[in-house]
Amino acid sequence: MRASTPESPMDQQPPSACSDALLVHAAQRDPSAFDALYDRYLDAVLRFSFYRLGDWERAEDATSDIFVRVLANLAQFQPAGHDAGFRCWLFTIARNVIADSHRDRCRHPVDPLEIAVYMRDTTPTPEEAAIATDDHQYIRALMARLKPDQRELLELRLAGLKNAEIARILGRSHDAVRKEQSRIVQMLRILVGQHAEQGVLDA
């Protein structure tokens, strides 16, 4: 009588309850298992891409490119000894893809006439309406007033990363990120106050 194959941890619990390390291990053995990682991080990566690019359509394209690159290189990924390793690796790739997008846009600027020809209806689709709320636009307007390094730190924070993870991605110390985040919060309070005062004056 043939012995039954022992169940893996993935068979014993739903993907949502599994750690990143377990999901990565499963996806490295079977690419179809990558869906669980994609579902877990899609919203965070899309949100980060939007804050970096300022356009939902470009953000969706970048997000697709990011996950394609992640899947293509997943076999070479080596866990860093902590469960946040995959998330840091993922957002490092996201930064690189978006930087490439910026460079491509500078090298191949879109002609204004082409923009007019392909301009789509600005009425949001149901999917866009669920994500692109006034809050996102307001937050992005505030971030435009920050220094580039402050903005990138905040973009990663809004994507759900912790200070220690941000420090690893940006190559800075945990303490430096913590202090910079405190300065950003103070700056945002000032900007929000200025915005509120302007709203009163305009009323």
N, C-alpha and C. Protein backbone atom coordinates (compact mmCIF):
# COMPACT_ATOMS: atom_id res chain seq x y z
N MET A 1 0.85 -1.19 0.00
CA MET A 1 0.00 0.00 0.00
C MET A 1 0.88 1.23 0.00
N ARG A 2 0.62 2.15 -0.96
CA ARG A 2 1.49 3.32 -1.10
C ARG A 2 1.15 4.37 -0.04
N ALA A 3 2.18 4.91 0.59
CA ALA A 3 1.96 5.93 1.61
C ALA A 3 1.47 7.21 0.96
N SER A 4 0.57 7.87 1.65
CA SER A 4 0.04 9.13 1.12
C SER A 4 1.08 10.23 1.26
N THR A 5 1.04 11.19 0.33
CA THR A 5 1.97 12.31 0.36
C THR A 5 1.59 13.26 1.49
N PRO A 6 2.52 13.63 2.36
CA PRO A 6 2.17 14.53 3.46
C PRO A 6 1.72 15.88 2.93
N GLU A 7 0.76 16.46 3.61
CA GLU A 7 0.25 17.77 3.21
C GLU A 7 1.27 18.85 3.52
N SER A 8 1.35 19.84 2.64
CA SER A 8 2.20 21.00 2.90
C SER A 8 1.41 21.99 3.72
N PRO A 9 2.09 22.95 4.39
CA PRO A 9 1.36 23.98 5.15
C PRO A 9 0.37 24.73 4.30
N MET A 10 0.66 24.89 2.98
CA MET A 10 -0.25 25.59 2.08
C MET A 10 -1.56 24.84 1.93
N ASP A 11 -1.51 23.49 2.08
CA ASP A 11 -2.72 22.68 1.95
C ASP A 11 -3.55 22.72 3.23
N GLN A 12 -2.93 23.14 4.32
CA GLN A 12 -3.60 23.08 5.61
C GLN A 12 -4.24 24.40 6.01
N GLN A 13 -3.95 25.50 5.30
CA GLN A 13 -4.52 26.79 5.65
C GLN A 13 -4.67 27.63 4.39
N PRO A 14 -5.61 28.58 4.40
CA PRO A 14 -5.81 29.42 3.21
C PRO A 14 -4.62 30.32 2.97
N PRO A 15 -4.37 30.76 1.72
CA PRO A 15 -3.22 31.63 1.41
C PRO A 15 -3.19 32.90 2.26
N SER A 16 -4.36 33.44 2.58
CA SER A 16 -4.40 34.68 3.36
C SER A 16 -3.80 34.51 4.75
N ALA A 17 -3.76 33.27 5.24
CA ALA A 17 -3.21 33.01 6.57
C ALA A 17 -1.75 32.61 6.53
N CYS A 18 -1.20 32.47 5.34
CA CYS A 18 0.20 32.05 5.19
C CYS A 18 1.15 33.24 5.22
N SER A 19 2.36 33.02 5.66
CA SER A 19 3.37 34.07 5.65
C SER A 19 3.87 34.29 4.22
N ASP A 20 4.50 35.44 4.00
CA ASP A 20 5.09 35.71 2.69
C ASP A 20 6.10 34.64 2.32
N ALA A 21 6.91 34.24 3.29
CA ALA A 21 7.96 33.25 3.02
C ALA A 21 7.37 31.94 2.50
N LEU A 22 6.26 31.53 3.10
CA LEU A 22 5.61 30.29 2.68
C LEU A 22 5.03 30.43 1.28
N LEU A 23 4.41 31.59 0.99
CA LEU A 23 3.83 31.83 -0.33
C LEU A 23 4.91 31.90 -1.40
N VAL A 24 6.03 32.54 -1.06
CA VAL A 24 7.14 32.64 -2.01
C VAL A 24 7.69 31.25 -2.32
N HIS A 25 7.87 30.44 -1.28
CA HIS A 25 8.39 29.08 -1.46
C HIS A 25 7.47 28.28 -2.38
N ALA A 26 6.16 28.43 -2.18
CA ALA A 26 5.20 27.71 -3.01
C ALA A 26 5.25 28.19 -4.45
N ALA A 27 5.37 29.52 -4.64
CA ALA A 27 5.40 30.09 -5.99
C ALA A 27 6.70 29.74 -6.72
N GLN A 28 7.78 29.58 -5.98
CA GLN A 28 9.05 29.19 -6.61
C GLN A 28 8.98 27.76 -7.13
N ARG A 29 8.17 26.93 -6.50
CA ARG A 29 8.00 25.55 -6.96
C ARG A 29 6.92 25.44 -8.04
N ASP A 30 5.89 26.31 -7.93
CA ASP A 30 4.76 26.26 -8.86
C ASP A 30 4.32 27.70 -9.16
N PRO A 31 4.66 28.23 -10.33
CA PRO A 31 4.33 29.63 -10.67
C PRO A 31 2.85 29.97 -10.52
N SER A 32 1.96 28.98 -10.66
CA SER A 32 0.54 29.28 -10.52
C SER A 32 0.19 29.70 -9.10
N ALA A 33 1.05 29.35 -8.13
CA ALA A 33 0.82 29.74 -6.74
C ALA A 33 1.15 31.20 -6.50
N PHE A 34 1.71 31.88 -7.51
CA PHE A 34 2.05 33.30 -7.37
C PHE A 34 0.79 34.16 -7.21
N ASP A 35 -0.35 33.63 -7.61
CA ASP A 35 -1.61 34.40 -7.51
C ASP A 35 -1.85 34.90 -6.09
N ALA A 36 -1.47 34.12 -5.10
CA ALA A 36 -1.70 34.51 -3.71
C ALA A 36 -0.88 35.75 -3.34
N LEU A 37 0.36 35.82 -3.80
CA LEU A 37 1.19 36.99 -3.55
C LEU A 37 0.67 38.20 -4.32
N TYR A 38 0.23 37.96 -5.55
CA TYR A 38 -0.34 39.03 -6.37
C TYR A 38 -1.56 39.63 -5.69
N ASP A 39 -2.46 38.78 -5.22
CA ASP A 39 -3.67 39.27 -4.55
C ASP A 39 -3.33 40.03 -3.28
N ARG A 40 -2.32 39.57 -2.57
CA ARG A 40 -1.97 40.20 -1.30
C ARG A 40 -1.42 41.61 -1.50
N TYR A 41 -0.64 41.82 -2.57
CA TYR A 41 0.07 43.09 -2.71
C TYR A 41 -0.41 43.99 -3.86
N LEU A 42 -1.42 43.56 -4.60
CA LEU A 42 -1.87 44.34 -5.74
C LEU A 42 -2.28 45.76 -5.35
N ASP A 43 -3.14 45.90 -4.36
CA ASP A 43 -3.64 47.23 -3.98
C ASP A 43 -2.51 48.14 -3.51
N ALA A 44 -1.60 47.59 -2.71
CA ALA A 44 -0.50 48.40 -2.18
C ALA A 44 0.43 48.87 -3.29
N VAL A 45 0.74 48.00 -4.24
CA VAL A 45 1.63 48.36 -5.34
C VAL A 45 0.94 49.36 -6.27
N LEU A 46 -0.34 49.16 -6.54
CA LEU A 46 -1.07 50.10 -7.39
C LEU A 46 -1.14 51.48 -6.75
N ARG A 47 -1.40 51.52 -5.45
CA ARG A 47 -1.47 52.79 -4.73
C ARG A 47 -0.11 53.50 -4.76
N PHE A 48 0.95 52.75 -4.51
CA PHE A 48 2.30 53.32 -4.56
C PHE A 48 2.62 53.85 -5.95
N SER A 49 2.25 53.10 -6.99
CA SER A 49 2.51 53.52 -8.37
C SER A 49 1.75 54.80 -8.69
N PHE A 50 0.53 54.90 -8.21
CA PHE A 50 -0.25 56.12 -8.48
C PHE A 50 0.38 57.34 -7.81
N TYR A 51 0.79 57.18 -6.55
CA TYR A 51 1.40 58.32 -5.86
C TYR A 51 2.69 58.74 -6.54
N ARG A 52 3.40 57.79 -7.14
CA ARG A 52 4.65 58.12 -7.84
C ARG A 52 4.40 58.74 -9.21
N LEU A 53 3.38 58.26 -9.92
CA LEU A 53 3.18 58.65 -11.31
C LEU A 53 2.06 59.68 -11.51
N GLY A 54 1.09 59.70 -10.61
CA GLY A 54 0.03 60.70 -10.68
C GLY A 54 -1.04 60.43 -11.71
N ASP A 55 -1.09 59.22 -12.24
CA ASP A 55 -2.07 58.89 -13.27
C ASP A 55 -2.45 57.42 -13.11
N TRP A 56 -3.75 57.13 -13.01
CA TRP A 56 -4.17 55.76 -12.74
C TRP A 56 -3.83 54.82 -13.88
N GLU A 57 -3.96 55.29 -15.12
CA GLU A 57 -3.68 54.42 -16.26
C GLU A 57 -2.20 54.04 -16.29
N ARG A 58 -1.32 55.02 -16.10
CA ARG A 58 0.11 54.72 -16.05
C ARG A 58 0.44 53.85 -14.84
N ALA A 59 -0.26 54.09 -13.72
CA ALA A 59 -0.03 53.29 -12.52
C ALA A 59 -0.40 51.84 -12.75
N GLU A 60 -1.50 51.61 -13.46
CA GLU A 60 -1.91 50.24 -13.76
C GLU A 60 -0.89 49.55 -14.66
N ASP A 61 -0.38 50.28 -15.67
CA ASP A 61 0.64 49.70 -16.55
C ASP A 61 1.90 49.36 -15.77
N ALA A 62 2.31 50.30 -14.91
CA ALA A 62 3.53 50.07 -14.10
C ALA A 62 3.33 48.88 -13.16
N THR A 63 2.15 48.78 -12.58
CA THR A 63 1.87 47.68 -11.66
C THR A 63 1.98 46.34 -12.37
N SER A 64 1.46 46.27 -13.59
CA SER A 64 1.58 45.05 -14.38
C SER A 64 3.05 44.72 -14.63
N ASP A 65 3.83 45.74 -15.02
CA ASP A 65 5.25 45.52 -15.28
C ASP A 65 5.99 45.05 -14.02
N ILE A 66 5.60 45.61 -12.90
CA ILE A 66 6.25 45.26 -11.63
C ILE A 66 6.04 43.79 -11.32
N PHE A 67 4.80 43.32 -11.42
CA PHE A 67 4.52 41.93 -11.07
C PHE A 67 5.11 40.96 -12.10
N VAL A 68 5.17 41.39 -13.35
CA VAL A 68 5.83 40.55 -14.37
C VAL A 68 7.31 40.38 -14.03
N ARG A 69 7.95 41.48 -13.64
CA ARG A 69 9.37 41.41 -13.30
C ARG A 69 9.60 40.59 -12.03
N VAL A 70 8.69 40.74 -11.05
CA VAL A 70 8.81 39.97 -9.82
C VAL A 70 8.70 38.48 -10.11
N LEU A 71 7.71 38.10 -10.90
CA LEU A 71 7.53 36.69 -11.23
C LEU A 71 8.72 36.14 -12.02
N ALA A 72 9.25 36.96 -12.93
CA ALA A 72 10.37 36.52 -13.76
C ALA A 72 11.63 36.27 -12.93
N ASN A 73 11.76 37.00 -11.83
CA ASN A 73 12.98 36.89 -11.01
C ASN A 73 12.76 36.16 -9.70
N LEU A 74 11.57 35.60 -9.51
CA LEU A 74 11.23 35.00 -8.22
C LEU A 74 12.14 33.82 -7.88
N ALA A 75 12.56 33.09 -8.88
CA ALA A 75 13.42 31.93 -8.62
C ALA A 75 14.75 32.33 -8.00
N GLN A 76 15.20 33.56 -8.29
CA GLN A 76 16.48 34.03 -7.76
C GLN A 76 16.34 34.70 -6.39
N PHE A 77 15.09 34.93 -5.96
CA PHE A 77 14.89 35.61 -4.68
C PHE A 77 15.35 34.73 -3.53
N GLN A 78 16.13 35.32 -2.63
CA GLN A 78 16.61 34.60 -1.45
C GLN A 78 16.04 35.28 -0.21
N PRO A 79 15.33 34.55 0.64
CA PRO A 79 14.79 35.15 1.86
C PRO A 79 15.88 35.80 2.68
N ALA A 80 15.54 36.94 3.30
CA ALA A 80 16.54 37.70 4.06
C ALA A 80 16.56 37.35 5.54
N GLY A 81 15.87 36.28 5.90
CA GLY A 81 15.87 35.89 7.31
C GLY A 81 14.77 36.53 8.12
N HIS A 82 13.91 37.33 7.47
CA HIS A 82 12.77 37.93 8.15
C HIS A 82 11.62 37.96 7.15
N ASP A 83 10.39 37.92 7.63
CA ASP A 83 9.25 37.79 6.73
C ASP A 83 9.04 39.03 5.87
N ALA A 84 9.62 40.17 6.27
CA ALA A 84 9.47 41.40 5.49
C ALA A 84 10.38 41.40 4.27
N GLY A 85 11.24 40.39 4.14
CA GLY A 85 12.20 40.36 3.04
C GLY A 85 11.55 40.44 1.67
N PHE A 86 10.48 39.69 1.45
CA PHE A 86 9.83 39.73 0.14
C PHE A 86 9.21 41.08 -0.12
N ARG A 87 8.58 41.65 0.88
CA ARG A 87 7.93 42.95 0.68
C ARG A 87 8.96 44.03 0.34
N CYS A 88 10.10 44.03 1.00
CA CYS A 88 11.17 44.99 0.68
C CYS A 88 11.68 44.77 -0.74
N TRP A 89 11.87 43.52 -1.11
CA TRP A 89 12.33 43.18 -2.46
C TRP A 89 11.31 43.63 -3.50
N LEU A 90 10.03 43.39 -3.24
CA LEU A 90 8.96 43.78 -4.15
C LEU A 90 8.96 45.28 -4.40
N PHE A 91 9.05 46.06 -3.34
CA PHE A 91 8.97 47.52 -3.50
C PHE A 91 10.28 48.10 -4.04
N THR A 92 11.38 47.39 -3.87
CA THR A 92 12.62 47.81 -4.53
C THR A 92 12.46 47.67 -6.04
N ILE A 93 11.86 46.57 -6.47
CA ILE A 93 11.57 46.39 -7.89
C ILE A 93 10.58 47.45 -8.37
N ALA A 94 9.58 47.74 -7.56
CA ALA A 94 8.59 48.76 -7.93
C ALA A 94 9.26 50.11 -8.16
N ARG A 95 10.17 50.49 -7.28
CA ARG A 95 10.90 51.76 -7.45
C ARG A 95 11.67 51.77 -8.76
N ASN A 96 12.33 50.65 -9.07
CA ASN A 96 13.14 50.59 -10.29
C ASN A 96 12.27 50.65 -11.54
N VAL A 97 11.14 49.95 -11.55
CA VAL A 97 10.24 49.97 -12.71
C VAL A 97 9.70 51.38 -12.94
N ILE A 98 9.31 52.04 -11.87
CA ILE A 98 8.75 53.39 -12.01
C ILE A 98 9.83 54.37 -12.43
N ALA A 99 11.06 54.19 -11.95
CA ALA A 99 12.16 55.05 -12.39
C ALA A 99 12.41 54.85 -13.89
N ASP A 100 12.32 53.60 -14.36
CA ASP A 100 12.46 53.33 -15.80
C ASP A 100 11.34 54.01 -16.58
N SER A 101 10.15 54.00 -16.02
CA SER A 101 9.00 54.64 -16.68
C SER A 101 9.23 56.12 -16.82
N HIS A 102 9.77 56.74 -15.76
CA HIS A 102 10.07 58.17 -15.82
C HIS A 102 11.11 58.46 -16.90
N ARG A 103 12.16 57.62 -16.97
CA ARG A 103 13.22 57.84 -17.96
C ARG A 103 12.68 57.67 -19.38
N ASP A 104 11.85 56.66 -19.58
CA ASP A 104 11.27 56.43 -20.91
C ASP A 104 10.39 57.61 -21.32
N ARG A 105 9.67 58.15 -20.38
CA ARG A 105 8.77 59.27 -20.69
C ARG A 105 9.57 60.51 -21.05
N CYS A 106 10.74 60.68 -20.41
CA CYS A 106 11.60 61.83 -20.73
C CYS A 106 12.24 61.66 -22.10
N ARG A 107 12.64 60.42 -22.43
CA ARG A 107 13.29 60.17 -23.72
C ARG A 107 12.29 60.19 -24.87
N HIS A 108 11.04 59.77 -24.58
CA HIS A 108 10.02 59.70 -25.63
C HIS A 108 8.77 60.44 -25.17
N PRO A 109 8.84 61.76 -25.12
CA PRO A 109 7.68 62.54 -24.67
C PRO A 109 6.50 62.34 -25.61
N VAL A 110 5.31 62.36 -25.03
CA VAL A 110 4.09 62.17 -25.82
C VAL A 110 3.71 63.49 -26.48
N ASP A 111 3.45 63.44 -27.78
CA ASP A 111 3.07 64.63 -28.52
C ASP A 111 1.70 65.12 -28.05
N PRO A 112 1.50 66.44 -27.85
CA PRO A 112 0.21 66.96 -27.39
C PRO A 112 -0.95 66.52 -28.27
N LEU A 113 -0.72 66.44 -29.61
CA LEU A 113 -1.77 66.03 -30.51
C LEU A 113 -2.17 64.58 -30.23
N GLU A 114 -1.15 63.76 -29.94
CA GLU A 114 -1.43 62.35 -29.63
C GLU A 114 -2.25 62.24 -28.36
N ILE A 115 -1.95 63.11 -27.39
CA ILE A 115 -2.72 63.11 -26.15
C ILE A 115 -4.17 63.44 -26.45
N ALA A 116 -4.39 64.43 -27.32
CA ALA A 116 -5.75 64.84 -27.64
C ALA A 116 -6.51 63.73 -28.35
N VAL A 117 -5.82 63.00 -29.24
CA VAL A 117 -6.47 61.93 -30.00
C VAL A 117 -6.89 60.79 -29.08
N TYR A 118 -6.00 60.45 -28.11
CA TYR A 118 -6.27 59.29 -27.26
C TYR A 118 -6.88 59.66 -25.90
N MET A 119 -7.23 60.92 -25.72
CA MET A 119 -7.79 61.33 -24.44
C MET A 119 -9.10 60.59 -24.19
N ARG A 120 -9.20 59.98 -23.04
CA ARG A 120 -10.39 59.20 -22.76
C ARG A 120 -11.35 60.00 -21.89
N ASP A 121 -12.55 59.53 -21.78
CA ASP A 121 -13.55 60.17 -20.94
C ASP A 121 -13.04 60.25 -19.51
N THR A 122 -13.11 61.43 -18.92
CA THR A 122 -12.59 61.60 -17.56
C THR A 122 -13.54 61.07 -16.50
N THR A 123 -14.74 60.65 -16.90
CA THR A 123 -15.66 60.07 -15.94
C THR A 123 -15.10 58.75 -15.44
N PRO A 124 -14.90 58.60 -14.12
CA PRO A 124 -14.27 57.39 -13.61
C PRO A 124 -15.14 56.16 -13.82
N THR A 125 -14.48 55.04 -14.11
CA THR A 125 -15.17 53.76 -14.18
C THR A 125 -15.49 53.33 -12.74
N PRO A 126 -16.34 52.33 -12.55
CA PRO A 126 -16.61 51.87 -11.18
C PRO A 126 -15.34 51.46 -10.44
N GLU A 127 -14.38 50.82 -11.19
CA GLU A 127 -13.14 50.40 -10.54
C GLU A 127 -12.32 51.62 -10.09
N GLU A 128 -12.24 52.64 -10.97
CA GLU A 128 -11.47 53.84 -10.63
C GLU A 128 -12.14 54.59 -9.49
N ALA A 129 -13.46 54.63 -9.51
CA ALA A 129 -14.18 55.36 -8.47
C ALA A 129 -13.94 54.74 -7.10
N ALA A 130 -13.72 53.42 -7.09
CA ALA A 130 -13.48 52.74 -5.82
C ALA A 130 -12.11 53.07 -5.25
N ILE A 131 -11.18 53.47 -6.13
CA ILE A 131 -9.80 53.73 -5.69
C ILE A 131 -9.47 55.21 -5.73
N ALA A 132 -9.74 55.84 -6.88
CA ALA A 132 -9.33 57.23 -7.09
C ALA A 132 -10.33 58.20 -6.46
N THR A 133 -10.38 58.23 -5.17
CA THR A 133 -11.26 59.13 -4.45
C THR A 133 -10.59 60.48 -4.31
N ASP A 134 -11.38 61.44 -3.81
CA ASP A 134 -10.83 62.77 -3.57
C ASP A 134 -9.66 62.73 -2.60
N ASP A 135 -9.70 61.76 -1.66
CA ASP A 135 -8.63 61.66 -0.68
C ASP A 135 -7.28 61.42 -1.35
N HIS A 136 -7.25 60.54 -2.35
CA HIS A 136 -6.01 60.25 -3.05
C HIS A 136 -5.47 61.51 -3.73
N GLN A 137 -6.34 62.26 -4.38
CA GLN A 137 -5.91 63.47 -5.07
C GLN A 137 -5.42 64.52 -4.07
N TYR A 138 -6.12 64.62 -2.97
CA TYR A 138 -5.75 65.58 -1.94
C TYR A 138 -4.39 65.24 -1.34
N ILE A 139 -4.20 63.94 -1.04
CA ILE A 139 -2.92 63.50 -0.48
C ILE A 139 -1.78 63.76 -1.46
N ARG A 140 -2.03 63.47 -2.73
CA ARG A 140 -0.98 63.69 -3.74
C ARG A 140 -0.66 65.18 -3.88
N ALA A 141 -1.67 66.03 -3.76
CA ALA A 141 -1.42 67.47 -3.83
C ALA A 141 -0.56 67.93 -2.66
N LEU A 142 -0.78 67.35 -1.49
CA LEU A 142 0.05 67.68 -0.33
C LEU A 142 1.48 67.17 -0.53
N MET A 143 1.62 65.96 -1.07
CA MET A 143 2.95 65.38 -1.26
C MET A 143 3.77 66.17 -2.27
N ALA A 144 3.09 66.84 -3.20
CA ALA A 144 3.81 67.63 -4.20
C ALA A 144 4.56 68.80 -3.55
N ARG A 145 4.18 69.14 -2.32
CA ARG A 145 4.83 70.25 -1.61
C ARG A 145 6.05 69.78 -0.80
N LEU A 146 6.27 68.47 -0.76
CA LEU A 146 7.40 67.94 0.01
C LEU A 146 8.64 67.82 -0.87
N LYS A 147 9.80 67.66 -0.23
CA LYS A 147 11.03 67.38 -0.95
C LYS A 147 10.95 65.98 -1.55
N PRO A 148 11.67 65.73 -2.67
CA PRO A 148 11.58 64.41 -3.32
C PRO A 148 11.85 63.24 -2.40
N ASP A 149 12.88 63.33 -1.53
CA ASP A 149 13.19 62.21 -0.65
C ASP A 149 12.11 62.02 0.42
N GLN A 150 11.52 63.15 0.87
CA GLN A 150 10.43 63.06 1.84
C GLN A 150 9.19 62.43 1.19
N ARG A 151 8.95 62.82 -0.04
CA ARG A 151 7.79 62.29 -0.76
C ARG A 151 7.91 60.78 -0.96
N GLU A 152 9.10 60.31 -1.34
CA GLU A 152 9.27 58.88 -1.57
C GLU A 152 9.07 58.10 -0.28
N LEU A 153 9.57 58.63 0.81
CA LEU A 153 9.40 57.96 2.10
C LEU A 153 7.91 57.85 2.43
N LEU A 154 7.18 58.96 2.21
CA LEU A 154 5.75 58.96 2.52
C LEU A 154 4.99 58.01 1.60
N GLU A 155 5.39 57.95 0.33
CA GLU A 155 4.73 57.05 -0.62
C GLU A 155 4.86 55.59 -0.17
N LEU A 156 6.03 55.23 0.32
CA LEU A 156 6.23 53.87 0.82
C LEU A 156 5.42 53.62 2.08
N ARG A 157 5.33 54.64 2.93
CA ARG A 157 4.55 54.51 4.17
C ARG A 157 3.07 54.33 3.85
N LEU A 158 2.58 55.09 2.87
CA LEU A 158 1.17 55.00 2.49
C LEU A 158 0.86 53.67 1.81
N ALA A 159 1.90 53.04 1.26
CA ALA A 159 1.72 51.70 0.65
C ALA A 159 1.65 50.61 1.71
N GLY A 160 1.86 50.98 2.97
CA GLY A 160 1.71 50.03 4.07
C GLY A 160 3.00 49.49 4.64
N LEU A 161 4.16 50.03 4.21
CA LEU A 161 5.42 49.51 4.72
C LEU A 161 5.75 50.14 6.07
N LYS A 162 6.46 49.38 6.88
CA LYS A 162 6.89 49.86 8.19
C LYS A 162 8.23 50.58 8.05
N ASN A 163 8.58 51.34 9.10
CA ASN A 163 9.81 52.14 9.04
C ASN A 163 11.05 51.28 8.78
N ALA A 164 11.12 50.12 9.42
CA ALA A 164 12.29 49.26 9.23
C ALA A 164 12.38 48.78 7.78
N GLU A 165 11.24 48.49 7.17
CA GLU A 165 11.22 48.05 5.78
C GLU A 165 11.62 49.20 4.85
N ILE A 166 11.10 50.39 5.14
CA ILE A 166 11.44 51.56 4.33
C ILE A 166 12.94 51.83 4.41
N ALA A 167 13.50 51.68 5.59
CA ALA A 167 14.94 51.90 5.77
C ALA A 167 15.75 50.95 4.90
N ARG A 168 15.33 49.68 4.83
CA ARG A 168 16.06 48.71 4.00
C ARG A 168 15.93 49.06 2.52
N ILE A 169 14.74 49.48 2.09
CA ILE A 169 14.52 49.80 0.68
C ILE A 169 15.31 51.04 0.27
N LEU A 170 15.33 52.05 1.13
CA LEU A 170 15.99 53.31 0.79
C LEU A 170 17.48 53.32 1.15
N GLY A 171 17.94 52.27 1.85
CA GLY A 171 19.34 52.22 2.23
C GLY A 171 19.69 53.24 3.30
N ARG A 172 18.76 53.50 4.21
CA ARG A 172 18.99 54.46 5.29
C ARG A 172 18.81 53.74 6.62
N SER A 173 19.26 54.39 7.68
CA SER A 173 19.11 53.77 8.99
C SER A 173 17.66 53.89 9.45
N HIS A 174 17.28 52.97 10.34
CA HIS A 174 15.93 53.00 10.89
C HIS A 174 15.68 54.31 11.61
N ASP A 175 16.65 54.76 12.37
CA ASP A 175 16.50 55.99 13.15
C ASP A 175 16.33 57.20 12.22
N ALA A 176 17.09 57.23 11.12
CA ALA A 176 16.99 58.35 10.18
C ALA A 176 15.60 58.40 9.55
N VAL A 177 15.06 57.23 9.21
CA VAL A 177 13.72 57.17 8.62
C VAL A 177 12.68 57.61 9.63
N ARG A 178 12.82 57.18 10.88
CA ARG A 178 11.87 57.55 11.92
C ARG A 178 11.86 59.07 12.14
N LYS A 179 13.05 59.67 12.20
CA LYS A 179 13.14 61.11 12.41
C LYS A 179 12.59 61.88 11.21
N GLU A 180 12.91 61.40 10.01
CA GLU A 180 12.42 62.07 8.81
C GLU A 180 10.90 61.98 8.73
N GLN A 181 10.35 60.83 9.12
CA GLN A 181 8.90 60.69 9.11
C GLN A 181 8.25 61.66 10.08
N SER A 182 8.88 61.88 11.22
CA SER A 182 8.36 62.85 12.19
C SER A 182 8.34 64.25 11.59
N ARG A 183 9.40 64.60 10.86
CA ARG A 183 9.45 65.92 10.20
C ARG A 183 8.37 66.03 9.13
N ILE A 184 8.13 64.93 8.41
CA ILE A 184 7.12 64.94 7.37
C ILE A 184 5.73 65.15 7.97
N VAL A 185 5.45 64.49 9.09
CA VAL A 185 4.16 64.65 9.75
C VAL A 185 3.95 66.10 10.17
N GLN A 186 5.00 66.72 10.73
CA GLN A 186 4.89 68.12 11.12
C GLN A 186 4.65 69.02 9.91
N MET A 187 5.34 68.73 8.81
CA MET A 187 5.16 69.52 7.59
C MET A 187 3.74 69.36 7.05
N LEU A 188 3.23 68.14 7.08
CA LEU A 188 1.88 67.90 6.58
C LEU A 188 0.83 68.61 7.43
N ARG A 189 1.06 68.67 8.74
CA ARG A 189 0.12 69.40 9.61
C ARG A 189 0.07 70.86 9.21
N ILE A 190 1.23 71.43 8.90
CA ILE A 190 1.28 72.83 8.48
C ILE A 190 0.54 73.01 7.16
N LEU A 191 0.80 72.11 6.21
CA LEU A 191 0.17 72.20 4.89
C LEU A 191 -1.33 72.04 4.98
N VAL A 192 -1.78 71.10 5.82
CA VAL A 192 -3.23 70.89 5.99
C VAL A 192 -3.86 72.13 6.60
N GLY A 193 -3.17 72.73 7.58
CA GLY A 193 -3.67 73.96 8.17
C GLY A 193 -3.77 75.09 7.17
N GLN A 194 -2.77 75.21 6.34
CA GLN A 194 -2.78 76.25 5.30
C GLN A 194 -3.93 76.01 4.32
N HIS A 195 -4.15 74.74 3.98
CA HIS A 195 -5.23 74.40 3.06
C HIS A 195 -6.58 74.74 3.67
N ALA A 196 -6.75 74.45 4.98
CA ALA A 196 -8.01 74.74 5.65
C ALA A 196 -8.25 76.25 5.70
N GLU A 197 -7.20 77.01 6.01
CA GLU A 197 -7.33 78.47 6.06
C GLU A 197 -7.69 79.02 4.70
N GLN A 198 -7.07 78.48 3.64
CA GLN A 198 -7.38 78.93 2.29
C GLN A 198 -8.83 78.63 1.94
N GLY A 199 -9.31 77.47 2.41
CA GLY A 199 -10.70 77.12 2.15
C GLY A 199 -11.65 78.07 2.81
N VAL A 200 -11.31 78.52 4.01
CA VAL A 200 -12.15 79.49 4.71
C VAL A 200 -12.16 80.82 3.98
N LEU A 201 -10.98 81.23 3.50
CA LEU A 201 -10.88 82.51 2.79
C LEU A 201 -11.63 82.46 1.48
N ASP A 202 -11.64 81.28 0.82
CA ASP A 202 -12.31 81.16 -0.46
C ASP A 202 -13.82 81.01 -0.33
N ALA A 203 -14.26 80.69 0.90
CA ALA A 203 -15.70 80.42 1.09
C ALA A 203 -16.52 81.69 0.98
